[in-house]
Amino acid sequence: MKQHFIIKNNSKRLLLFFAGWGMDETPFLQIRPTDTDWMVCYDYRSLEFDTDLLQKYSEIRLIAWSMGVWVASQLMKQHPSLPISHSIAINGTPYPIHETKGIEPAIFEPPTAPAAILTTSMSTPPENNHGSYPVRY
C-alpha cells in the first residue's frame, strides 16, 4: 500500500483517507483541510501499513471510500491502539463480497454459456449464402 502525505505540517492531528480501488492521490490533491496533516492511502496490492508514520499523532480522523472501507476495517483491527477519534465510511463495506452486505458472490463466478451455443459445432459448413456460420442462442 502507498501512504502519501498531501499535507505534512507537523500537526498533532491527521486526516487519514483510504481511497477506492484503482485510485491514487491525484483526485485529492486540491483538498486542503486546515489545522491537520492529510494522508491518502491507496494501491492495495499489498496491505503493508507503516504505523511509524502515525506515531506522533494524538488524534486521527479516518475517512474511507469504496474499497478503502474494507482496507481500513482490516487495518484498524490489526492496529487498535491508533488514536482514531472519528471514522466515516463512504459507499463501501467491510464485506466486499457477501450475499447481503456486499456484492453478490455470483458476480465473481465465471459465466456459463447457454446450452444451445455449446451444442453448435463450428466445424459444420455454413447453411446460408453469406459464407458465415449460423448463430444459435
Protein backbone atom coordinates (compact mmCIF):
# COMPACT_ATOMS: atom_id res chain seq x y z
CA MET A 1 0.00 0.00 0.00
CA LYS A 2 1.13 3.53 -0.63
CA GLN A 3 0.78 6.17 2.06
CA HIS A 4 1.11 9.68 0.64
CA PHE A 5 1.15 12.86 2.72
CA ILE A 6 -0.61 15.68 0.90
CA ILE A 7 -0.11 17.98 3.90
CA LYS A 8 2.61 17.38 6.47
CA ASN A 9 2.98 20.41 8.75
CA ASN A 10 3.76 18.52 11.97
CA SER A 11 0.25 18.92 13.30
CA LYS A 12 -0.90 16.74 16.20
CA ARG A 13 -3.97 15.77 14.16
CA LEU A 14 -4.14 13.68 11.00
CA LEU A 15 -6.87 13.23 8.42
CA LEU A 16 -6.28 9.67 7.16
CA PHE A 17 -8.09 8.81 3.93
CA PHE A 18 -8.32 5.38 2.30
CA ALA A 19 -9.14 5.85 -1.39
CA GLY A 20 -11.16 3.50 -3.56
CA TRP A 21 -9.87 0.70 -5.76
CA GLY A 22 -7.65 1.88 -8.60
CA MET A 23 -7.28 5.43 -7.25
CA ASP A 24 -4.16 7.34 -6.31
CA GLU A 25 -3.67 10.67 -4.57
CA THR A 26 -4.24 12.80 -7.69
CA PRO A 27 -8.01 13.49 -7.33
CA PHE A 28 -7.46 14.60 -3.73
CA LEU A 29 -4.51 16.99 -4.13
CA GLN A 30 -6.72 20.08 -4.18
CA ILE A 31 -8.44 19.24 -0.89
CA ARG A 32 -6.71 21.38 1.72
CA PRO A 33 -8.09 20.79 5.24
CA THR A 34 -6.86 23.26 7.85
CA ASP A 35 -5.18 22.55 11.19
CA THR A 36 -4.40 18.95 10.29
CA ASP A 37 -1.95 16.83 8.36
CA TRP A 38 -3.52 14.89 5.49
CA MET A 39 -2.57 11.44 4.21
CA VAL A 40 -4.07 9.40 1.39
CA CYS A 41 -3.63 5.61 1.27
CA TYR A 42 -4.07 3.66 -1.97
CA ASP A 43 -2.67 0.80 -4.10
CA TYR A 44 -3.98 -2.18 -2.15
CA ARG A 45 -1.94 -4.87 -3.90
CA SER A 46 -0.28 -5.18 -0.50
CA LEU A 47 -1.81 -4.30 2.86
CA GLU A 48 1.54 -3.40 4.43
CA PHE A 49 0.84 -0.30 6.51
CA ASP A 50 3.60 1.75 8.14
CA THR A 51 2.20 2.80 11.52
CA ASP A 52 5.51 4.51 12.34
CA LEU A 53 4.31 7.36 10.13
CA LEU A 54 1.36 7.85 12.51
CA GLN A 55 3.06 7.61 15.90
CA LYS A 56 3.30 11.36 16.53
CA TYR A 57 -0.43 11.99 16.11
CA SER A 58 -2.65 12.35 19.16
CA GLU A 59 -5.84 12.37 17.03
CA ILE A 60 -6.57 10.61 13.76
CA ARG A 61 -9.78 11.19 11.82
CA LEU A 62 -10.33 8.34 9.38
CA ILE A 63 -12.35 8.52 6.18
CA ALA A 64 -12.61 5.56 3.83
CA TRP A 65 -14.25 5.39 0.43
CA SER A 66 -15.36 2.38 -1.63
CA MET A 67 -12.76 -0.44 -1.43
CA GLY A 68 -10.88 1.72 1.08
CA VAL A 69 -13.64 0.90 3.59
CA TRP A 70 -12.64 -2.78 3.53
CA VAL A 71 -8.92 -1.95 3.70
CA ALA A 72 -9.39 0.44 6.63
CA SER A 73 -11.53 -2.10 8.50
CA GLN A 74 -8.80 -4.73 8.11
CA LEU A 75 -6.02 -2.39 9.23
CA MET A 76 -7.89 -0.95 12.19
CA LYS A 77 -8.42 -4.49 13.53
CA GLN A 78 -4.66 -5.01 13.34
CA HIS A 79 -3.81 -1.65 14.93
CA PRO A 80 -6.44 -0.94 17.61
CA SER A 81 -4.11 1.37 19.56
CA LEU A 82 -4.17 4.08 16.88
CA PRO A 83 -5.86 7.20 18.30
CA ILE A 84 -8.88 7.18 15.94
CA SER A 85 -11.32 9.86 17.10
CA HIS A 86 -13.79 9.64 14.18
CA SER A 87 -14.33 7.22 11.34
CA ILE A 88 -16.53 7.62 8.28
CA ALA A 89 -17.25 5.01 5.60
CA ILE A 90 -18.42 6.32 2.23
CA ASN A 91 -20.05 3.99 -0.31
CA GLY A 92 -18.21 0.89 0.84
CA THR A 93 -18.48 -2.09 3.14
CA PRO A 94 -16.22 -4.24 5.31
CA TYR A 95 -17.77 -7.18 3.39
CA PRO A 96 -16.93 -6.55 -0.28
CA ILE A 97 -18.11 -9.99 -1.47
CA HIS A 98 -21.13 -11.06 0.58
CA GLU A 99 -24.70 -12.15 -0.16
CA THR A 100 -26.38 -9.41 1.89
CA LYS A 101 -23.70 -6.92 2.96
CA GLY A 102 -21.63 -6.57 -0.22
CA ILE A 103 -21.52 -7.56 -3.86
CA GLU A 104 -23.36 -10.80 -4.63
CA PRO A 105 -20.78 -13.65 -4.90
CA ALA A 106 -22.34 -14.89 -8.17
CA ILE A 107 -20.99 -11.75 -9.89
CA PHE A 108 -17.47 -13.14 -9.41
CA GLU A 109 -18.20 -16.63 -10.73
CA PRO A 110 -17.17 -17.46 -14.31
CA PRO A 111 -20.01 -17.08 -16.80
CA THR A 112 -21.62 -20.15 -18.29
CA ALA A 113 -22.56 -20.34 -21.94
CA PRO A 114 -26.13 -21.22 -22.89
CA ALA A 115 -26.55 -24.90 -23.84
CA ALA A 116 -27.51 -24.07 -27.45
CA ILE A 117 -24.15 -22.40 -28.07
CA LEU A 118 -22.31 -25.33 -26.57
CA THR A 119 -24.05 -27.79 -28.90
CA THR A 120 -23.41 -25.79 -32.09
CA SER A 121 -20.40 -27.13 -33.95
CA MET A 122 -18.29 -24.55 -35.74
CA SER A 123 -16.90 -27.32 -38.00
CA THR A 124 -20.28 -27.64 -39.74
CA PRO A 125 -20.27 -25.83 -43.10
CA PRO A 126 -22.39 -22.69 -43.37
CA GLU A 127 -26.05 -23.23 -44.25
CA ASN A 128 -26.68 -19.84 -45.80
CA ASN A 129 -25.42 -17.97 -48.84
CA HIS A 130 -23.48 -15.38 -46.85
CA GLY A 131 -20.48 -17.57 -46.11
CA SER A 132 -20.90 -17.27 -42.34
CA TYR A 133 -21.81 -19.76 -39.68
CA PRO A 134 -25.29 -19.63 -38.20
CA VAL A 135 -25.50 -18.37 -34.65
CA ARG A 136 -27.97 -20.05 -32.35
CA TYR A 137 -28.80 -18.77 -28.86
